Amino acid sequence: MAFVSFSTVFVSVMLFTVSPVAGKTEKTEGDTVEFTPAEFTVSITTMEWTHVDKSSNKIKAIKWDSRDQSLNIPNPRFKKITSIDTKTGKLTIESLTKEHSGQYKFELNGETKGEFSLEVSGSKEGGFTEAKRKGEPFKKEEGQEVSFLPKDFAKATQSMIWKHIAGLDTTRVAEWDPKDEPPVTFHGQFRNIASLDETTGQLTIKNLVEEHSGKYTFYVDGVEKETFILVVSKRLPIPTIERDTGNNPNIVYLKCNYDGSGHKDLLIIWSNSTQELRTMKPEEHDKSFIVEKSNNPDNYYTCSLKSPAGRETSLKAYERDLFKESGLGEGAIAGIIISIIILICGGVGAFFYKTNSVFHDLIHDRFSCLRGNAPAPTETNANVNVPLRNSPSSTQPADGD
């Protein structure tokens, strides 16, 4: 922590240890990388990471907007493997490939605040992690792609062949023969979706389906060199959030619903608009996730399904929708109160009108509609004298009668 004094003003500056260090960071395919910018003190409107690849293409990797709490990952290169810390701006990319090599720029509120360089290379051991060296398979979802890079590859002189073994069936995937024109041939279901690097022997298959699961064996000049195992599962379903309430109006209970057929060992990850909150193992999936009201209507919650091959996330459930008032609104309550007051005043007035002669006469004199049913003047009775209240009776004998 460093403190810099300007007269009586003290500015505190926290220095982050940037990992990896600014400059070129070297990784191998399948690794994870993190870029953390230096601390910032300004209020956050937007945070954005952009990627300039080896072909000078500028690609938006990820963007977060605090105004609507939205997270945008528009490019398939970064979908499902990229995340951002909305407090520090730290960028995390998992399952790196060579395509992720290049320059990364961090922008805060539209201003550049940090730049990093990344170089991703193929592993000398064919991209295997320690687990894969022990024979564990590559796990992918339908629609994804996979690459098998043989280790200790010596350039072939006569032929390269990749074979696919599924159950009792063995089929050729791709083969290279320098005598053919073109030298590379793809077979069967692998036409138009497979590619072969003639210099390294790497096989890449795109748009995977479950039928691509199995063993892939690599031969050089007729000699078996290496075998890879691939498991392709169905694409994860998009989960939905189910809301339930109890006796406490400030608490709701959420469940993550999904069609789990064909999927095993799925994790449920609960997150709010800023961070991951809880990870549920398969045996906990029937449990509810408890949410307490934070009085921030723009705060939202999501649940994600995560497998070894991918991740799918539900729509956002905003707090303003989770904690909807079940009673009457303020306007309706005010209207009811005013109506009750009017009824009470009317009832009191009617009571005094019936029981209090002074009040009765006052109302009677002021409102003509209450004075009786005297006929309105007409042509036949226009000259008839109508006796007034408290005047002598018209039938009183005249003087001298």
Protein backbone atom coordinates (compact mmCIF):
# COMPACT_ATOMS: atom_id res chain seq x y z
CA MET A 1 0.00 0.00 0.00
CA ALA A 2 1.50 3.37 -0.99
CA PHE A 3 0.30 6.74 0.35
CA VAL A 4 1.03 9.95 -1.58
CA SER A 5 0.51 13.30 0.15
CA PHE A 6 -0.64 16.42 -1.65
CA SER A 7 -0.87 19.19 0.98
CA THR A 8 -3.59 17.91 3.28
CA VAL A 9 -5.03 15.49 0.74
CA PHE A 10 -3.98 11.83 0.94
CA VAL A 11 -4.47 9.58 -2.02
CA SER A 12 -4.34 5.84 -1.36
CA VAL A 13 -3.12 3.68 -4.22
CA MET A 14 -3.22 -0.13 -4.04
CA LEU A 15 -0.86 -1.89 -6.43
CA PHE A 16 -2.08 -5.24 -7.75
CA THR A 17 0.35 -7.97 -8.62
CA VAL A 18 -0.63 -8.43 -12.24
CA SER A 19 -0.79 -12.10 -13.12
CA PRO A 20 0.41 -12.77 -15.69
CA VAL A 21 2.90 -9.88 -15.80
CA ALA A 22 2.39 -7.30 -18.56
CA GLY A 23 4.45 -8.34 -21.57
CA LYS A 24 4.17 -11.62 -23.40
CA THR A 25 2.55 -14.48 -21.52
CA GLU A 26 3.19 -17.96 -22.87
CA LYS A 27 0.66 -20.76 -22.45
CA THR A 28 -0.06 -24.12 -24.03
CA GLU A 29 -3.36 -25.31 -25.47
CA GLY A 30 -5.82 -26.33 -22.77
CA ASP A 31 -4.34 -23.98 -20.16
CA THR A 32 -6.11 -21.12 -18.36
CA VAL A 33 -4.89 -17.52 -18.37
CA GLU A 34 -5.81 -14.53 -16.18
CA PHE A 35 -5.17 -10.85 -16.91
CA THR A 36 -5.73 -8.42 -14.02
CA PRO A 37 -5.51 -4.65 -14.64
CA ALA A 38 -4.18 -2.23 -12.03
CA GLU A 39 -6.72 -1.02 -9.46
CA PHE A 40 -9.08 1.76 -10.51
CA THR A 41 -11.09 4.13 -8.33
CA VAL A 42 -13.56 5.63 -10.81
CA SER A 43 -17.16 4.47 -10.82
CA ILE A 44 -17.80 1.72 -13.35
CA THR A 45 -20.11 2.21 -16.31
CA THR A 46 -18.63 -0.30 -18.75
CA MET A 47 -15.71 -2.74 -18.74
CA GLU A 48 -14.59 -4.33 -22.00
CA TRP A 49 -11.81 -6.66 -23.14
CA THR A 50 -10.90 -6.76 -26.84
CA HIS A 51 -8.63 -9.22 -28.63
CA VAL A 52 -6.44 -8.54 -31.68
CA ASP A 53 -5.40 -11.90 -33.12
CA LYS A 54 -2.39 -12.82 -35.25
CA SER A 55 -4.30 -11.82 -38.40
CA SER A 56 -4.94 -8.32 -36.96
CA ASN A 57 -8.65 -9.02 -36.54
CA LYS A 58 -10.13 -7.01 -33.67
CA ILE A 59 -12.65 -9.07 -31.69
CA LYS A 60 -14.77 -8.15 -28.67
CA ALA A 61 -13.97 -10.82 -26.09
CA ILE A 62 -16.31 -9.75 -23.27
CA LYS A 63 -18.16 -6.62 -22.13
CA TRP A 64 -19.97 -5.80 -18.89
CA ASP A 65 -22.37 -2.85 -18.53
CA SER A 66 -23.26 -1.78 -14.99
CA ARG A 67 -26.31 0.20 -16.11
CA ASP A 68 -28.33 -2.88 -16.97
CA GLN A 69 -26.04 -5.47 -15.35
CA SER A 70 -25.56 -7.10 -18.76
CA LEU A 71 -22.71 -9.39 -19.77
CA ASN A 72 -22.01 -9.79 -23.48
CA ILE A 73 -19.70 -12.40 -25.06
CA PRO A 74 -20.53 -12.05 -28.78
CA ASN A 75 -17.75 -14.12 -30.38
CA PRO A 76 -17.88 -17.95 -30.36
CA ARG A 77 -14.12 -18.01 -29.73
CA PHE A 78 -14.72 -16.81 -26.17
CA LYS A 79 -18.19 -18.17 -25.35
CA LYS A 80 -18.45 -20.54 -22.34
CA ILE A 81 -14.75 -20.20 -21.50
CA THR A 82 -14.46 -16.49 -20.67
CA SER A 83 -15.41 -14.58 -17.52
CA ILE A 84 -14.79 -11.15 -16.01
CA ASP A 85 -14.62 -10.00 -12.40
CA THR A 86 -16.99 -7.03 -12.31
CA LYS A 87 -15.16 -5.48 -9.36
CA THR A 88 -11.52 -5.73 -10.50
CA GLY A 89 -11.88 -6.24 -14.25
CA LYS A 90 -9.87 -9.48 -14.15
CA LEU A 91 -10.24 -11.51 -17.36
CA THR A 92 -10.16 -15.32 -17.22
CA ILE A 93 -10.01 -17.56 -20.30
CA GLU A 94 -10.12 -21.34 -19.95
CA SER A 95 -9.31 -24.11 -22.43
CA LEU A 96 -6.95 -21.95 -24.48
CA THR A 97 -6.26 -22.66 -28.15
CA LYS A 98 -3.80 -21.13 -30.59
CA GLU A 99 -6.59 -18.84 -31.80
CA HIS A 100 -6.44 -17.02 -28.45
CA SER A 101 -2.91 -15.79 -29.14
CA GLY A 102 -2.53 -12.04 -29.67
CA GLN A 103 -3.01 -8.73 -27.87
CA TYR A 104 -5.62 -8.08 -25.17
CA LYS A 105 -6.75 -4.57 -24.27
CA PHE A 106 -8.80 -3.59 -21.21
CA GLU A 107 -11.09 -0.55 -21.50
CA LEU A 108 -12.85 1.07 -18.55
CA ASN A 109 -15.67 3.47 -19.44
CA GLY A 110 -14.25 3.62 -22.97
CA GLU A 111 -10.66 4.43 -21.93
CA THR A 112 -7.76 1.99 -22.29
CA LYS A 113 -6.43 0.97 -18.87
CA GLY A 114 -4.20 -2.00 -19.66
CA GLU A 115 -2.72 -4.14 -22.46
CA PHE A 116 -1.43 -7.72 -22.38
CA SER A 117 0.12 -10.12 -24.87
CA LEU A 118 -0.58 -13.86 -25.06
CA GLU A 119 1.13 -16.63 -27.01
CA VAL A 120 -0.57 -20.05 -27.03
CA SER A 121 1.36 -22.98 -28.45
CA GLY A 122 0.61 -26.66 -28.90
CA SER A 123 1.89 -28.83 -26.08
CA LYS A 124 4.94 -30.98 -26.76
CA GLU A 125 2.85 -33.80 -25.38
CA GLY A 126 -0.06 -33.36 -27.74
CA GLY A 127 -2.00 -30.99 -25.52
CA PHE A 128 -2.33 -33.64 -22.80
CA THR A 129 -2.72 -32.58 -19.21
CA GLU A 130 -1.47 -34.88 -16.46
CA ALA A 131 -4.93 -36.44 -16.33
CA LYS A 132 -4.98 -37.15 -20.07
CA ARG A 133 -1.54 -38.76 -19.91
CA LYS A 134 -3.21 -41.27 -17.60
CA GLY A 135 -5.72 -42.16 -20.30
CA GLU A 136 -8.66 -39.90 -19.42
CA PRO A 137 -10.70 -38.88 -22.48
CA PHE A 138 -11.26 -35.54 -24.14
CA LYS A 139 -14.80 -34.49 -23.16
CA LYS A 140 -16.76 -32.35 -25.59
CA GLU A 141 -20.34 -31.32 -26.36
CA GLU A 142 -22.18 -31.64 -29.64
CA GLY A 143 -21.31 -28.71 -31.90
CA GLN A 144 -17.85 -28.16 -30.41
CA GLU A 145 -14.51 -29.10 -31.94
CA VAL A 146 -11.51 -31.15 -30.84
CA SER A 147 -7.85 -31.33 -31.86
CA PHE A 148 -5.50 -34.28 -31.40
CA LEU A 149 -1.82 -33.34 -31.61
CA PRO A 150 0.57 -36.31 -31.56
CA LYS A 151 3.68 -36.04 -29.42
CA ASP A 152 7.22 -36.58 -30.67
CA PHE A 153 6.01 -36.40 -34.25
CA ALA A 154 8.61 -37.24 -36.89
CA LYS A 155 7.64 -36.13 -40.37
CA ALA A 156 6.17 -38.96 -42.35
CA THR A 157 7.79 -40.05 -45.58
CA GLN A 158 5.21 -42.47 -46.91
CA SER A 159 1.88 -41.98 -45.16
CA MET A 160 -0.12 -40.62 -42.21
CA ILE A 161 -3.41 -42.22 -41.27
CA TRP A 162 -5.98 -41.43 -38.57
CA LYS A 163 -8.47 -44.19 -37.71
CA HIS A 164 -11.67 -44.02 -35.64
CA ILE A 165 -12.66 -47.02 -33.51
CA ALA A 166 -16.24 -47.11 -32.16
CA GLY A 167 -17.25 -50.43 -30.66
CA LEU A 168 -16.38 -53.12 -33.21
CA ASP A 169 -16.25 -50.71 -36.15
CA THR A 170 -12.98 -49.22 -37.40
CA THR A 171 -13.07 -46.53 -40.10
CA ARG A 172 -10.53 -44.22 -41.63
CA VAL A 173 -10.84 -40.55 -40.77
CA ALA A 174 -8.03 -38.95 -42.75
CA GLU A 175 -4.91 -40.01 -44.58
CA TRP A 176 -1.95 -38.31 -46.17
CA ASP A 177 -0.09 -39.83 -49.12
CA PRO A 178 2.44 -37.68 -51.01
CA LYS A 179 1.79 -39.66 -54.20
CA ASP A 180 -1.88 -38.62 -54.29
CA GLU A 181 -3.29 -35.37 -55.62
CA PRO A 182 -4.44 -33.80 -53.40
CA PRO A 183 -2.27 -35.57 -50.83
CA VAL A 184 -4.89 -35.46 -48.02
CA THR A 185 -8.15 -37.45 -48.17
CA PHE A 186 -11.03 -37.43 -45.65
CA HIS A 187 -13.49 -40.28 -45.39
CA GLY A 188 -17.17 -40.84 -44.61
CA GLN A 189 -18.78 -38.69 -41.95
CA PHE A 190 -15.55 -36.73 -41.48
CA ARG A 191 -15.66 -35.07 -44.90
CA ASN A 192 -16.09 -31.29 -44.63
CA ILE A 193 -15.61 -31.27 -40.84
CA ALA A 194 -12.04 -32.56 -40.41
CA SER A 195 -8.64 -31.04 -41.17
CA LEU A 196 -5.10 -32.42 -41.01
CA ASP A 197 -1.89 -30.47 -40.41
CA GLU A 198 0.66 -32.14 -42.67
CA THR A 199 3.63 -30.75 -40.71
CA THR A 200 2.54 -31.83 -37.20
CA GLY A 201 0.02 -34.59 -37.83
CA GLN A 202 -2.64 -32.73 -35.81
CA LEU A 203 -6.21 -33.80 -36.55
CA THR A 204 -9.05 -31.33 -35.94
CA ILE A 205 -12.74 -32.26 -36.09
CA LYS A 206 -15.47 -29.59 -35.99
CA ASN A 207 -19.24 -29.79 -35.41
CA LEU A 208 -18.94 -32.85 -33.22
CA VAL A 209 -21.86 -35.24 -32.68
CA GLU A 210 -22.24 -38.18 -30.30
CA GLU A 211 -21.32 -40.64 -33.07
CA HIS A 212 -17.80 -39.16 -33.09
CA SER A 213 -17.11 -40.63 -29.65
CA GLY A 214 -14.52 -43.38 -29.52
CA LYS A 215 -10.79 -43.97 -29.98
CA TYR A 216 -8.65 -42.15 -32.54
CA THR A 217 -5.40 -43.87 -33.49
CA PHE A 218 -2.56 -42.22 -35.39
CA TYR A 219 -0.26 -44.14 -37.77
CA VAL A 220 2.95 -42.90 -39.39
CA ASP A 221 4.37 -44.89 -42.29
CA GLY A 222 2.21 -47.82 -41.22
CA VAL A 223 3.36 -47.79 -37.58
CA GLU A 224 0.85 -47.08 -34.78
CA LYS A 225 2.05 -44.07 -32.80
CA GLU A 226 -0.66 -42.86 -30.43
CA THR A 227 -4.31 -43.25 -29.41
CA PHE A 228 -6.69 -40.56 -28.15
CA ILE A 229 -10.09 -41.08 -26.51
CA LEU A 230 -13.03 -38.77 -27.23
CA VAL A 231 -16.41 -38.61 -25.46
CA VAL A 232 -19.04 -36.38 -27.07
CA SER A 233 -22.18 -35.69 -25.04
CA LYS A 234 -25.42 -34.00 -25.92
CA ARG A 235 -25.47 -30.25 -25.65
CA LEU A 236 -26.45 -29.07 -22.19
CA PRO A 237 -30.06 -27.87 -21.83
CA ILE A 238 -30.71 -24.26 -20.88
CA PRO A 239 -32.00 -24.34 -17.28
CA THR A 240 -34.95 -22.36 -15.91
CA ILE A 241 -35.45 -20.84 -12.47
CA GLU A 242 -38.49 -21.82 -10.39
CA ARG A 243 -39.55 -19.45 -7.58
CA ASP A 244 -41.29 -20.40 -4.35
CA THR A 245 -42.25 -18.33 -1.32
CA GLY A 246 -42.75 -18.96 2.37
CA ASN A 247 -44.06 -17.03 5.35
CA ASN A 248 -41.24 -14.48 5.24
CA PRO A 249 -41.92 -11.85 2.54
CA ASN A 250 -38.21 -10.98 2.40
CA ILE A 251 -37.08 -14.48 1.40
CA VAL A 252 -37.70 -16.56 -1.73
CA TYR A 253 -36.61 -20.10 -2.56
CA LEU A 254 -35.20 -20.80 -6.03
CA LYS A 255 -34.71 -24.09 -7.85
CA CYS A 256 -32.79 -24.76 -11.05
CA ASN A 257 -34.91 -26.89 -13.38
CA TYR A 258 -33.54 -28.72 -16.42
CA ASP A 259 -33.95 -31.85 -18.51
CA GLY A 260 -31.17 -34.03 -17.21
CA SER A 261 -31.62 -36.94 -19.59
CA GLY A 262 -28.33 -37.98 -21.12
CA HIS A 263 -26.25 -35.95 -18.68
CA LYS A 264 -24.36 -37.03 -15.58
CA ASP A 265 -22.22 -35.32 -12.97
CA LEU A 266 -23.65 -31.87 -13.66
CA LEU A 267 -22.89 -29.01 -11.31
CA ILE A 268 -25.37 -26.21 -10.60
CA ILE A 269 -23.77 -22.81 -10.09
CA TRP A 270 -25.84 -19.98 -8.59
CA SER A 271 -24.71 -16.42 -9.31
CA ASN A 272 -25.99 -12.90 -8.83
CA SER A 273 -25.20 -9.86 -10.96
CA THR A 274 -21.68 -9.55 -9.56
CA GLN A 275 -20.31 -12.96 -8.58
CA GLU A 276 -20.79 -16.71 -8.21
CA LEU A 277 -22.52 -17.53 -4.92
CA ARG A 278 -22.84 -21.30 -4.59
CA THR A 279 -21.97 -24.52 -6.42
CA MET A 280 -24.27 -27.51 -5.93
CA LYS A 281 -23.11 -31.07 -6.52
CA PRO A 282 -25.45 -33.57 -8.24
CA GLU A 283 -26.75 -34.91 -4.93
CA GLU A 284 -27.78 -31.37 -3.91
CA HIS A 285 -29.83 -30.53 -7.01
CA ASP A 286 -33.17 -31.01 -5.24
CA LYS A 287 -32.28 -28.38 -2.65
CA SER A 288 -33.48 -24.80 -2.87
CA PHE A 289 -31.23 -21.79 -3.16
CA ILE A 290 -32.34 -19.19 -0.59
CA VAL A 291 -32.37 -15.52 -1.63
CA GLU A 292 -32.83 -12.65 0.80
CA LYS A 293 -34.22 -9.33 -0.38
CA SER A 294 -31.46 -6.74 -0.84
CA ASN A 295 -33.74 -3.85 -1.89
CA ASN A 296 -31.83 -3.53 -5.18
CA PRO A 297 -34.43 -4.17 -7.90
CA ASP A 298 -31.72 -4.38 -10.60
CA ASN A 299 -29.87 -7.20 -8.86
CA TYR A 300 -30.45 -10.52 -10.63
CA TYR A 301 -29.80 -14.22 -10.14
CA THR A 302 -28.93 -17.00 -12.60
CA CYS A 303 -28.32 -20.71 -12.39
CA SER A 304 -25.82 -22.45 -14.65
CA LEU A 305 -25.34 -26.09 -15.57
CA LYS A 306 -21.69 -27.06 -15.85
CA SER A 307 -20.24 -30.29 -17.21
CA PRO A 308 -16.67 -31.22 -18.10
CA ALA A 309 -17.52 -30.24 -21.67
CA GLY A 310 -19.49 -27.02 -21.36
CA ARG A 311 -21.78 -24.65 -19.51
CA GLU A 312 -25.31 -23.27 -20.03
CA THR A 313 -26.95 -20.44 -18.07
CA SER A 314 -30.59 -19.56 -17.38
CA LEU A 315 -32.28 -16.26 -18.09
CA LYS A 316 -31.82 -13.57 -15.46
CA ALA A 317 -34.30 -13.48 -12.58
CA TYR A 318 -34.41 -9.88 -11.34
CA GLU A 319 -35.07 -9.08 -7.71
CA ARG A 320 -37.90 -6.74 -8.69
CA ASP A 321 -39.72 -9.78 -10.11
CA LEU A 322 -38.73 -12.24 -7.39
CA PHE A 323 -40.16 -10.04 -4.64
CA LYS A 324 -43.38 -8.78 -6.23
CA GLU A 325 -45.83 -7.46 -3.65
CA SER A 326 -48.70 -9.88 -3.24
CA GLY A 327 -50.98 -7.26 -1.55
CA LEU A 328 -52.55 -4.06 -2.87
CA GLY A 329 -50.47 -1.23 -4.22
CA GLU A 330 -50.10 2.12 -2.50
CA GLY A 331 -52.57 3.81 -4.88
CA ALA A 332 -55.27 1.23 -4.25
CA ILE A 333 -54.80 1.48 -0.48
CA ALA A 334 -55.06 5.29 -0.62
CA GLY A 335 -58.27 5.04 -2.67
CA ILE A 336 -59.82 2.65 -0.15
CA ILE A 337 -58.95 4.95 2.77
CA ILE A 338 -60.45 8.00 1.04
CA SER A 339 -63.62 6.06 0.22
CA ILE A 340 -63.98 4.98 3.85
CA ILE A 341 -63.55 8.59 5.05
CA ILE A 342 -66.24 9.78 2.61
CA LEU A 343 -68.64 7.07 3.77
CA ILE A 344 -68.04 7.94 7.43
CA CYS A 345 -68.60 11.66 6.81
CA GLY A 346 -71.76 10.91 4.83
CA GLY A 347 -73.09 8.67 7.59
CA VAL A 348 -72.40 11.27 10.30
CA GLY A 349 -74.09 13.94 8.20
CA ALA A 350 -77.17 11.79 7.66
CA PHE A 351 -77.34 11.05 11.38
CA PHE A 352 -77.32 14.76 12.32
CA TYR A 353 -79.81 15.55 9.54
CA LYS A 354 -82.28 13.11 11.03
CA THR A 355 -81.72 13.84 14.72
CA ASN A 356 -80.70 17.52 14.99
CA SER A 357 -83.40 20.07 14.04
CA VAL A 358 -80.97 22.98 13.68
CA PHE A 359 -78.75 20.97 11.33
CA HIS A 360 -81.85 19.68 9.56
CA ASP A 361 -83.22 23.19 8.93
CA LEU A 362 -79.80 24.45 7.82
CA ILE A 363 -79.49 21.73 5.20
CA HIS A 364 -83.15 22.03 4.25
CA ASP A 365 -82.89 25.79 3.62
CA ARG A 366 -79.64 25.57 1.63
CA PHE A 367 -80.64 22.73 -0.69
CA SER A 368 -83.91 23.45 -2.57
CA CYS A 369 -84.30 19.83 -3.56
CA LEU A 370 -85.13 19.03 0.06
CA ARG A 371 -87.92 21.64 0.51
CA GLY A 372 -90.85 19.52 -0.55
CA ASN A 373 -92.42 18.82 -3.88
CA ALA A 374 -94.07 22.16 -4.75
CA PRO A 375 -95.11 22.22 -8.41
CA ALA A 376 -93.17 24.35 -10.79
CA PRO A 377 -95.01 27.39 -12.19
CA THR A 378 -97.19 26.73 -15.30
CA GLU A 379 -99.56 28.77 -17.48
CA THR A 380 -102.56 27.68 -15.37
CA ASN A 381 -101.12 28.25 -11.97
CA ALA A 382 -98.68 31.06 -12.65
CA ASN A 383 -100.91 33.58 -10.75
CA VAL A 384 -101.78 31.27 -7.88
CA ASN A 385 -100.33 32.39 -4.60
CA VAL A 386 -98.35 29.60 -3.00
CA PRO A 387 -98.23 29.96 0.76
CA LEU A 388 -94.72 30.54 2.07
CA ARG A 389 -93.24 28.87 5.11
CA ASN A 390 -94.41 30.58 8.35
CA SER A 391 -96.89 32.84 6.35
CA PRO A 392 -100.64 33.09 7.32
CA SER A 393 -102.83 30.41 5.87
CA SER A 394 -104.59 31.34 2.61
CA THR A 395 -107.85 30.05 4.12
CA GLN A 396 -107.84 32.57 7.00
CA PRO A 397 -111.12 34.64 6.95
CA ALA A 398 -110.78 38.13 5.49
CA ASP A 399 -111.39 41.18 7.64
CA GLY A 400 -114.99 41.98 8.06
CA ASP A 401 -116.26 38.49 7.21
